[in-house]
Amino acid sequence: RVDLTPFGITNKSYNKIYDEIEQELNVNSVP
């Protein structure tokens, strides 16, 4: 997650847009 404050997008854990993207792309930490 990256901070894009000029566009109203932050890297905070509660950011809904990143939550949506991570679910869509099935993001996981490397085993």
PDB file of all heavy atoms in Angstrom:
ATOM      1  N   ARG A   1       0.837  -1.200   0.000  1.00  0.00           N
ATOM      2  CA  ARG A   1       0.000   0.000   0.000  1.00  0.00           C
ATOM      3  C   ARG A   1       0.875   1.254   0.000  1.00  0.00           C
ATOM      4  O   ARG A   1       1.862   1.318   0.746  1.00  0.00           O
ATOM      5  CB  ARG A   1      -0.919   0.025   1.223  1.00  0.00           C
ATOM      6  CG  ARG A   1      -1.925  -1.110   1.263  1.00  0.00           C
ATOM      7  CD  ARG A   1      -2.878  -0.964   2.429  1.00  0.00           C
ATOM      8  NE  ARG A   1      -3.889  -2.025   2.437  1.00  0.00           N
ATOM      9  CZ  ARG A   1      -5.041  -1.959   3.081  1.00  0.00           C
ATOM     10  NH1 ARG A   1      -5.344  -0.878   3.788  1.00  0.00           N
ATOM     11  NH2 ARG A   1      -5.894  -2.958   3.031  1.00  0.00           N
ATOM     12  N   VAL A   2       0.515   2.203  -0.832  1.00  0.00           N
ATOM     13  CA  VAL A   2       1.284   3.454  -0.911  1.00  0.00           C
ATOM     14  C   VAL A   2       0.372   4.633  -0.608  1.00  0.00           C
ATOM     15  O   VAL A   2      -0.836   4.572  -0.834  1.00  0.00           O
ATOM     16  CB  VAL A   2       1.935   3.623  -2.298  1.00  0.00           C
ATOM     17  CG1 VAL A   2       2.992   2.552  -2.519  1.00  0.00           C
ATOM     18  CG2 VAL A   2       0.910   3.581  -3.417  1.00  0.00           C
ATOM     19  N   ASP A   3       0.975   5.673  -0.096  1.00  0.00           N
ATOM     20  CA  ASP A   3       0.215   6.871   0.278  1.00  0.00           C
ATOM     21  C   ASP A   3       0.092   7.798  -0.923  1.00  0.00           C
ATOM     22  O   ASP A   3       1.092   8.271  -1.462  1.00  0.00           O
ATOM     23  CB  ASP A   3       0.916   7.597   1.429  1.00  0.00           C
ATOM     24  CG  ASP A   3       0.015   8.645   2.072  1.00  0.00           C
ATOM     25  OD1 ASP A   3      -0.505   9.510   1.331  1.00  0.00           O
ATOM     26  OD2 ASP A   3      -0.163   8.609   3.293  1.00  0.00           O
ATOM     27  N   LEU A   4      -1.138   8.047  -1.352  1.00  0.00           N
ATOM     28  CA  LEU A   4      -1.420   8.944  -2.470  1.00  0.00           C
ATOM     29  C   LEU A   4      -2.370  10.041  -2.000  1.00  0.00           C
ATOM     30  O   LEU A   4      -3.459  10.244  -2.539  1.00  0.00           O
ATOM     31  CB  LEU A   4      -2.035   8.152  -3.632  1.00  0.00           C
ATOM     32  CG  LEU A   4      -1.145   7.062  -4.233  1.00  0.00           C
ATOM     33  CD1 LEU A   4      -1.912   6.241  -5.259  1.00  0.00           C
ATOM     34  CD2 LEU A   4       0.100   7.673  -4.867  1.00  0.00           C
ATOM     35  N   THR A   5      -1.935  10.757  -0.970  1.00  0.00           N
ATOM     36  CA  THR A   5      -2.750  11.793  -0.354  1.00  0.00           C
ATOM     37  C   THR A   5      -3.276  12.832  -1.344  1.00  0.00           C
ATOM     38  O   THR A   5      -4.419  13.287  -1.214  1.00  0.00           O
ATOM     39  CB  THR A   5      -1.972  12.482   0.784  1.00  0.00           C
ATOM     40  OG1 THR A   5      -1.603  11.495   1.753  1.00  0.00           O
ATOM     41  CG2 THR A   5      -2.809  13.547   1.456  1.00  0.00           C
ATOM     42  N   PRO A   6      -2.483  13.249  -2.368  1.00  0.00           N
ATOM     43  CA  PRO A   6      -3.017  14.238  -3.321  1.00  0.00           C
ATOM     44  C   PRO A   6      -4.291  13.784  -4.025  1.00  0.00           C
ATOM     45  O   PRO A   6      -5.050  14.617  -4.520  1.00  0.00           O
ATOM     46  CB  PRO A   6      -1.865  14.406  -4.322  1.00  0.00           C
ATOM     47  CG  PRO A   6      -0.639  14.066  -3.560  1.00  0.00           C
ATOM     48  CD  PRO A   6      -1.054  12.959  -2.645  1.00  0.00           C
ATOM     49  N   PHE A   7      -4.525  12.467  -4.058  1.00  0.00           N
ATOM     50  CA  PHE A   7      -5.729  11.940  -4.693  1.00  0.00           C
ATOM     51  C   PHE A   7      -6.739  11.417  -3.669  1.00  0.00           C
ATOM     52  O   PHE A   7      -7.698  10.735  -4.023  1.00  0.00           O
ATOM     53  CB  PHE A   7      -5.357  10.813  -5.664  1.00  0.00           C
ATOM     54  CG  PHE A   7      -4.384  11.229  -6.727  1.00  0.00           C
ATOM     55  CD1 PHE A   7      -3.060  10.822  -6.664  1.00  0.00           C
ATOM     56  CD2 PHE A   7      -4.776  12.052  -7.773  1.00  0.00           C
ATOM     57  CE1 PHE A   7      -2.146  11.209  -7.632  1.00  0.00           C
ATOM     58  CE2 PHE A   7      -3.865  12.451  -8.744  1.00  0.00           C
ATOM     59  CZ  PHE A   7      -2.548  12.028  -8.676  1.00  0.00           C
ATOM     60  N   GLY A   8      -6.499  11.711  -2.399  1.00  0.00           N
ATOM     61  CA  GLY A   8      -7.416  11.274  -1.354  1.00  0.00           C
ATOM     62  C   GLY A   8      -7.320   9.799  -1.034  1.00  0.00           C
ATOM     63  O   GLY A   8      -8.263   9.205  -0.507  1.00  0.00           O
ATOM     64  N   ILE A   9      -6.162   9.191  -1.321  1.00  0.00           N
ATOM     65  CA  ILE A   9      -5.956   7.768  -1.058  1.00  0.00           C
ATOM     66  C   ILE A   9      -4.759   7.636  -0.118  1.00  0.00           C
ATOM     67  O   ILE A   9      -3.666   8.095  -0.426  1.00  0.00           O
ATOM     68  CB  ILE A   9      -5.677   6.989  -2.365  1.00  0.00           C
ATOM     69  CG1 ILE A   9      -6.852   7.122  -3.333  1.00  0.00           C
ATOM     70  CG2 ILE A   9      -5.394   5.518  -2.076  1.00  0.00           C
ATOM     71  CD1 ILE A   9      -6.549   6.642  -4.734  1.00  0.00           C
ATOM     72  N   THR A  10      -4.968   7.009   1.029  1.00  0.00           N
ATOM     73  CA  THR A  10      -3.878   6.822   1.984  1.00  0.00           C
ATOM     74  C   THR A  10      -3.555   5.335   2.107  1.00  0.00           C
ATOM     75  O   THR A  10      -4.299   4.477   1.635  1.00  0.00           O
ATOM     76  CB  THR A  10      -4.244   7.373   3.371  1.00  0.00           C
ATOM     77  OG1 THR A  10      -5.254   6.540   3.966  1.00  0.00           O
ATOM     78  CG2 THR A  10      -4.766   8.798   3.265  1.00  0.00           C
ATOM     79  N   ASN A  11      -2.432   5.052   2.775  1.00  0.00           N
ATOM     80  CA  ASN A  11      -2.014   3.666   2.944  1.00  0.00           C
ATOM     81  C   ASN A  11      -2.441   3.089   4.289  1.00  0.00           C
ATOM     82  O   ASN A  11      -1.898   2.080   4.742  1.00  0.00           O
ATOM     83  CB  ASN A  11      -0.497   3.548   2.790  1.00  0.00           C
ATOM     84  CG  ASN A  11       0.264   4.416   3.787  1.00  0.00           C
ATOM     85  OD1 ASN A  11      -0.334   5.175   4.551  1.00  0.00           O
ATOM     86  ND2 ASN A  11       1.580   4.318   3.783  1.00  0.00           N
ATOM     87  N   LYS A  12      -3.390   3.715   4.942  1.00  0.00           N
ATOM     88  CA  LYS A  12      -3.843   3.237   6.240  1.00  0.00           C
ATOM     89  C   LYS A  12      -4.556   1.889   6.096  1.00  0.00           C
ATOM     90  O   LYS A  12      -5.176   1.583   5.084  1.00  0.00           O
ATOM     91  CB  LYS A  12      -4.790   4.243   6.904  1.00  0.00           C
ATOM     92  CG  LYS A  12      -4.182   5.630   7.081  1.00  0.00           C
ATOM     93  CD  LYS A  12      -2.939   5.586   7.963  1.00  0.00           C
ATOM     94  CE  LYS A  12      -2.381   6.987   8.192  1.00  0.00           C
ATOM     95  NZ  LYS A  12      -1.123   6.962   8.962  1.00  0.00           N
ATOM     96  N   SER A  13      -4.502   1.105   7.150  1.00  0.00           N
ATOM     97  CA  SER A  13      -5.052  -0.253   7.096  1.00  0.00           C
ATOM     98  C   SER A  13      -6.567  -0.263   6.910  1.00  0.00           C
ATOM     99  O   SER A  13      -7.127  -1.245   6.439  1.00  0.00           O
ATOM    100  CB  SER A  13      -4.696  -1.011   8.386  1.00  0.00           C
ATOM    101  OG  SER A  13      -5.211  -0.331   9.523  1.00  0.00           O
ATOM    102  N   TYR A  14      -7.231   0.837   7.258  1.00  0.00           N
ATOM    103  CA  TYR A  14      -8.684   0.858   7.141  1.00  0.00           C
ATOM    104  C   TYR A  14      -9.164   1.441   5.813  1.00  0.00           C
ATOM    105  O   TYR A  14     -10.350   1.679   5.621  1.00  0.00           O
ATOM    106  CB  TYR A  14      -9.299   1.661   8.301  1.00  0.00           C
ATOM    107  CG  TYR A  14      -8.732   3.051   8.475  1.00  0.00           C
ATOM    108  CD1 TYR A  14      -9.133   4.114   7.661  1.00  0.00           C
ATOM    109  CD2 TYR A  14      -7.780   3.304   9.446  1.00  0.00           C
ATOM    110  CE1 TYR A  14      -8.594   5.381   7.810  1.00  0.00           C
ATOM    111  CE2 TYR A  14      -7.236   4.568   9.606  1.00  0.00           C
ATOM    112  CZ  TYR A  14      -7.647   5.605   8.789  1.00  0.00           C
ATOM    113  OH  TYR A  14      -7.115   6.859   8.942  1.00  0.00           O
ATOM    114  N   ASN A  15      -8.238   1.696   4.894  1.00  0.00           N
ATOM    115  CA  ASN A  15      -8.614   2.278   3.610  1.00  0.00           C
ATOM    116  C   ASN A  15      -9.424   1.279   2.792  1.00  0.00           C
ATOM    117  O   ASN A  15      -8.938   0.204   2.434  1.00  0.00           O
ATOM    118  CB  ASN A  15      -7.357   2.693   2.836  1.00  0.00           C
ATOM    119  CG  ASN A  15      -7.699   3.499   1.603  1.00  0.00           C
ATOM    120  OD1 ASN A  15      -8.277   2.992   0.665  1.00  0.00           O
ATOM    121  ND2 ASN A  15      -7.334   4.776   1.626  1.00  0.00           N
ATOM    122  N   LYS A  16     -10.659   1.629   2.464  1.00  0.00           N
ATOM    123  CA  LYS A  16     -11.568   0.693   1.803  1.00  0.00           C
ATOM    124  C   LYS A  16     -11.111   0.325   0.404  1.00  0.00           C
ATOM    125  O   LYS A  16     -11.289  -0.817  -0.040  1.00  0.00           O
ATOM    126  CB  LYS A  16     -12.978   1.284   1.761  1.00  0.00           C
ATOM    127  CG  LYS A  16     -13.654   1.362   3.117  1.00  0.00           C
ATOM    128  CD  LYS A  16     -15.085   1.886   2.996  1.00  0.00           C
ATOM    129  CE  LYS A  16     -15.752   1.932   4.363  1.00  0.00           C
ATOM    130  NZ  LYS A  16     -17.158   2.459   4.268  1.00  0.00           N
ATOM    131  N   ILE A  17     -10.526   1.284  -0.318  1.00  0.00           N
ATOM    132  CA  ILE A  17     -10.145   0.996  -1.696  1.00  0.00           C
ATOM    133  C   ILE A  17      -9.019  -0.039  -1.741  1.00  0.00           C
ATOM    134  O   ILE A  17      -9.023  -0.949  -2.582  1.00  0.00           O
ATOM    135  CB  ILE A  17      -9.754   2.284  -2.446  1.00  0.00           C
ATOM    136  CG1 ILE A  17      -9.727   2.024  -3.958  1.00  0.00           C
ATOM    137  CG2 ILE A  17      -8.434   2.856  -1.973  1.00  0.00           C
ATOM    138  CD1 ILE A  17      -9.688   3.300  -4.788  1.00  0.00           C
ATOM    139  N   TYR A  18      -8.079   0.035  -0.801  1.00  0.00           N
ATOM    140  CA  TYR A  18      -7.019  -0.966  -0.755  1.00  0.00           C
ATOM    141  C   TYR A  18      -7.553  -2.311  -0.259  1.00  0.00           C
ATOM    142  O   TYR A  18      -7.107  -3.368  -0.716  1.00  0.00           O
ATOM    143  CB  TYR A  18      -5.858  -0.493   0.111  1.00  0.00           C
ATOM    144  CG  TYR A  18      -4.925   0.468  -0.591  1.00  0.00           C
ATOM    145  CD1 TYR A  18      -4.482   1.635   0.025  1.00  0.00           C
ATOM    146  CD2 TYR A  18      -4.468   0.209  -1.882  1.00  0.00           C
ATOM    147  CE1 TYR A  18      -3.623   2.512  -0.625  1.00  0.00           C
ATOM    148  CE2 TYR A  18      -3.612   1.083  -2.540  1.00  0.00           C
ATOM    149  CZ  TYR A  18      -3.194   2.235  -1.906  1.00  0.00           C
ATOM    150  OH  TYR A  18      -2.338   3.101  -2.553  1.00  0.00           O
ATOM    151  N   ASP A  19      -8.502  -2.285   0.677  1.00  0.00           N
ATOM    152  CA  ASP A  19      -9.138  -3.536   1.123  1.00  0.00           C
ATOM    153  C   ASP A  19      -9.773  -4.254  -0.066  1.00  0.00           C
ATOM    154  O   ASP A  19      -9.634  -5.473  -0.232  1.00  0.00           O
ATOM    155  CB  ASP A  19     -10.208  -3.247   2.179  1.00  0.00           C
ATOM    156  CG  ASP A  19      -9.629  -2.787   3.506  1.00  0.00           C
ATOM    157  OD1 ASP A  19      -8.423  -3.001   3.722  1.00  0.00           O
ATOM    158  OD2 ASP A  19     -10.384  -2.222   4.320  1.00  0.00           O
ATOM    159  N   GLU A  20     -10.458  -3.489  -0.895  1.00  0.00           N
ATOM    160  CA  GLU A  20     -11.127  -4.042  -2.071  1.00  0.00           C
ATOM    161  C   GLU A  20     -10.125  -4.624  -3.062  1.00  0.00           C
ATOM    162  O   GLU A  20     -10.315  -5.725  -3.594  1.00  0.00           O
ATOM    163  CB  GLU A  20     -11.955  -2.944  -2.747  1.00  0.00           C
ATOM    164  CG  GLU A  20     -12.676  -3.373  -4.013  1.00  0.00           C
ATOM    165  CD  GLU A  20     -13.382  -2.202  -4.671  1.00  0.00           C
ATOM    166  OE1 GLU A  20     -14.055  -1.429  -3.954  1.00  0.00           O
ATOM    167  OE2 GLU A  20     -13.247  -2.050  -5.908  1.00  0.00           O
ATOM    168  N   ILE A  21      -9.044  -3.905  -3.296  1.00  0.00           N
ATOM    169  CA  ILE A  21      -8.024  -4.362  -4.248  1.00  0.00           C
ATOM    170  C   ILE A  21      -7.348  -5.638  -3.749  1.00  0.00           C
ATOM    171  O   ILE A  21      -7.164  -6.607  -4.505  1.00  0.00           O
ATOM    172  CB  ILE A  21      -6.972  -3.264  -4.486  1.00  0.00           C
ATOM    173  CG1 ILE A  21      -7.602  -2.068  -5.187  1.00  0.00           C
ATOM    174  CG2 ILE A  21      -5.807  -3.802  -5.314  1.00  0.00           C
ATOM    175  CD1 ILE A  21      -6.713  -0.827  -5.201  1.00  0.00           C
ATOM    176  N   GLU A  22      -6.991  -5.674  -2.487  1.00  0.00           N
ATOM    177  CA  GLU A  22      -6.308  -6.840  -1.940  1.00  0.00           C
ATOM    178  C   GLU A  22      -7.185  -8.086  -1.995  1.00  0.00           C
ATOM    179  O   GLU A  22      -6.697  -9.190  -2.258  1.00  0.00           O
ATOM    180  CB  GLU A  22      -5.868  -6.560  -0.500  1.00  0.00           C
ATOM    181  CG  GLU A  22      -4.711  -5.575  -0.420  1.00  0.00           C
ATOM    182  CD  GLU A  22      -4.350  -5.184   0.998  1.00  0.00           C
ATOM    183  OE1 GLU A  22      -5.096  -5.579   1.929  1.00  0.00           O
ATOM    184  OE2 GLU A  22      -3.348  -4.479   1.184  1.00  0.00           O
ATOM    185  N   GLN A  23      -8.472  -7.901  -1.784  1.00  0.00           N
ATOM    186  CA  GLN A  23      -9.394  -9.035  -1.891  1.00  0.00           C
ATOM    187  C   GLN A  23      -9.518  -9.489  -3.350  1.00  0.00           C
ATOM    188  O   GLN A  23      -9.515 -10.693  -3.643  1.00  0.00           O
ATOM    189  CB  GLN A  23     -10.771  -8.649  -1.336  1.00  0.00           C
ATOM    190  CG  GLN A  23     -11.753  -9.815  -1.323  1.00  0.00           C
ATOM    191  CD  GLN A  23     -13.064  -9.431  -0.649  1.00  0.00           C
ATOM    192  OE1 GLN A  23     -13.290  -8.281  -0.305  1.00  0.00           O
ATOM    193  NE2 GLN A  23     -13.933 -10.412  -0.461  1.00  0.00           N
ATOM    194  N   GLU A  24      -9.608  -8.539  -4.255  1.00  0.00           N
ATOM    195  CA  GLU A  24      -9.767  -8.851  -5.667  1.00  0.00           C
ATOM    196  C   GLU A  24      -8.541  -9.565  -6.237  1.00  0.00           C
ATOM    197  O   GLU A  24      -8.665 -10.488  -7.051  1.00  0.00           O
ATOM    198  CB  GLU A  24     -10.017  -7.561  -6.449  1.00  0.00           C
ATOM    199  CG  GLU A  24     -10.439  -7.760  -7.888  1.00  0.00           C
ATOM    200  CD  GLU A  24     -10.868  -6.456  -8.537  1.00  0.00           C
ATOM    201  OE1 GLU A  24     -10.650  -5.377  -7.944  1.00  0.00           O
ATOM    202  OE2 GLU A  24     -11.410  -6.515  -9.647  1.00  0.00           O
ATOM    203  N   LEU A  25      -7.353  -9.161  -5.783  1.00  0.00           N
ATOM    204  CA  LEU A  25      -6.113  -9.745  -6.288  1.00  0.00           C
ATOM    205  C   LEU A  25      -5.615 -10.904  -5.430  1.00  0.00           C
ATOM    206  O   LEU A  25      -4.578 -11.486  -5.718  1.00  0.00           O
ATOM    207  CB  LEU A  25      -5.016  -8.677  -6.368  1.00  0.00           C
ATOM    208  CG  LEU A  25      -4.921  -7.860  -7.655  1.00  0.00           C
ATOM    209  CD1 LEU A  25      -6.227  -7.157  -7.995  1.00  0.00           C
ATOM    210  CD2 LEU A  25      -3.780  -6.842  -7.561  1.00  0.00           C
ATOM    211  N   ASN A  26      -6.357 -11.223  -4.384  1.00  0.00           N
ATOM    212  CA  ASN A  26      -6.002 -12.331  -3.483  1.00  0.00           C
ATOM    213  C   ASN A  26      -4.586 -12.157  -2.923  1.00  0.00           C
ATOM    214  O   ASN A  26      -3.725 -13.027  -3.047  1.00  0.00           O
ATOM    215  CB  ASN A  26      -6.121 -13.676  -4.203  1.00  0.00           C
ATOM    216  CG  ASN A  26      -6.014 -14.861  -3.257  1.00  0.00           C
ATOM    217  OD1 ASN A  26      -6.360 -14.762  -2.080  1.00  0.00           O
ATOM    218  ND2 ASN A  26      -5.524 -15.982  -3.766  1.00  0.00           N
ATOM    219  N   VAL A  27      -4.354 -11.000  -2.305  1.00  0.00           N
ATOM    220  CA  VAL A  27      -3.028 -10.672  -1.781  1.00  0.00           C
ATOM    221  C   VAL A  27      -2.735 -11.477  -0.510  1.00  0.00           C
ATOM    222  O   VAL A  27      -3.565 -11.552   0.399  1.00  0.00           O
ATOM    223  CB  VAL A  27      -2.926  -9.161  -1.493  1.00  0.00           C
ATOM    224  CG1 VAL A  27      -1.626  -8.836  -0.764  1.00  0.00           C
ATOM    225  CG2 VAL A  27      -3.018  -8.377  -2.800  1.00  0.00           C
ATOM    226  N   ASN A  28      -1.540 -12.093  -0.478  1.00  0.00           N
ATOM    227  CA  ASN A  28      -1.093 -12.854   0.684  1.00  0.00           C
ATOM    228  C   ASN A  28       0.390 -12.631   0.903  1.00  0.00           C
ATOM    229  O   ASN A  28       1.134 -12.332  -0.044  1.00  0.00           O
ATOM    230  CB  ASN A  28      -1.331 -14.360   0.471  1.00  0.00           C
ATOM    231  CG  ASN A  28      -2.801 -14.729   0.463  1.00  0.00           C
ATOM    232  OD1 ASN A  28      -3.436 -14.752   1.505  1.00  0.00           O
ATOM    233  ND2 ASN A  28      -3.337 -15.009  -0.715  1.00  0.00           N
ATOM    234  N   SER A  29       0.841 -12.801   2.136  1.00  0.00           N
ATOM    235  CA  SER A  29       2.270 -12.745   2.416  1.00  0.00           C
ATOM    236  C   SER A  29       2.942 -14.016   1.931  1.00  0.00           C
ATOM    237  O   SER A  29       2.328 -15.090   1.887  1.00  0.00           O
ATOM    238  CB  SER A  29       2.512 -12.580   3.916  1.00  0.00           C
ATOM    239  OG  SER A  29       2.004 -11.331   4.361  1.00  0.00           O
ATOM    240  N   VAL A  30       4.207 -13.898   1.563  1.00  0.00           N
ATOM    241  CA  VAL A  30       4.941 -15.050   1.032  1.00  0.00           C
ATOM    242  C   VAL A  30       5.115 -16.111   2.118  1.00  0.00           C
ATOM    243  O   VAL A  30       5.659 -15.821   3.189  1.00  0.00           O
ATOM    244  CB  VAL A  30       6.321 -14.623   0.509  1.00  0.00           C
ATOM    245  CG1 VAL A  30       7.081 -15.823  -0.043  1.00  0.00           C
ATOM    246  CG2 VAL A  30       6.180 -13.551  -0.565  1.00  0.00           C
ATOM    247  N   PRO A  31       4.678 -17.355   1.870  1.00  0.00           N
ATOM    248  CA  PRO A  31       4.884 -18.431   2.848  1.00  0.00           C
ATOM    249  C   PRO A  31       6.370 -18.751   3.009  1.00  0.00           C
ATOM    250  O   PRO A  31       7.159 -18.577   2.076  1.00  0.00           O
ATOM    251  CB  PRO A  31       4.140 -19.625   2.230  1.00  0.00           C
ATOM    252  CG  PRO A  31       3.214 -19.035   1.211  1.00  0.00           C
ATOM    253  CD  PRO A  31       3.899 -17.804   0.709  1.00  0.00           C
TER     254      PRO A  31
END
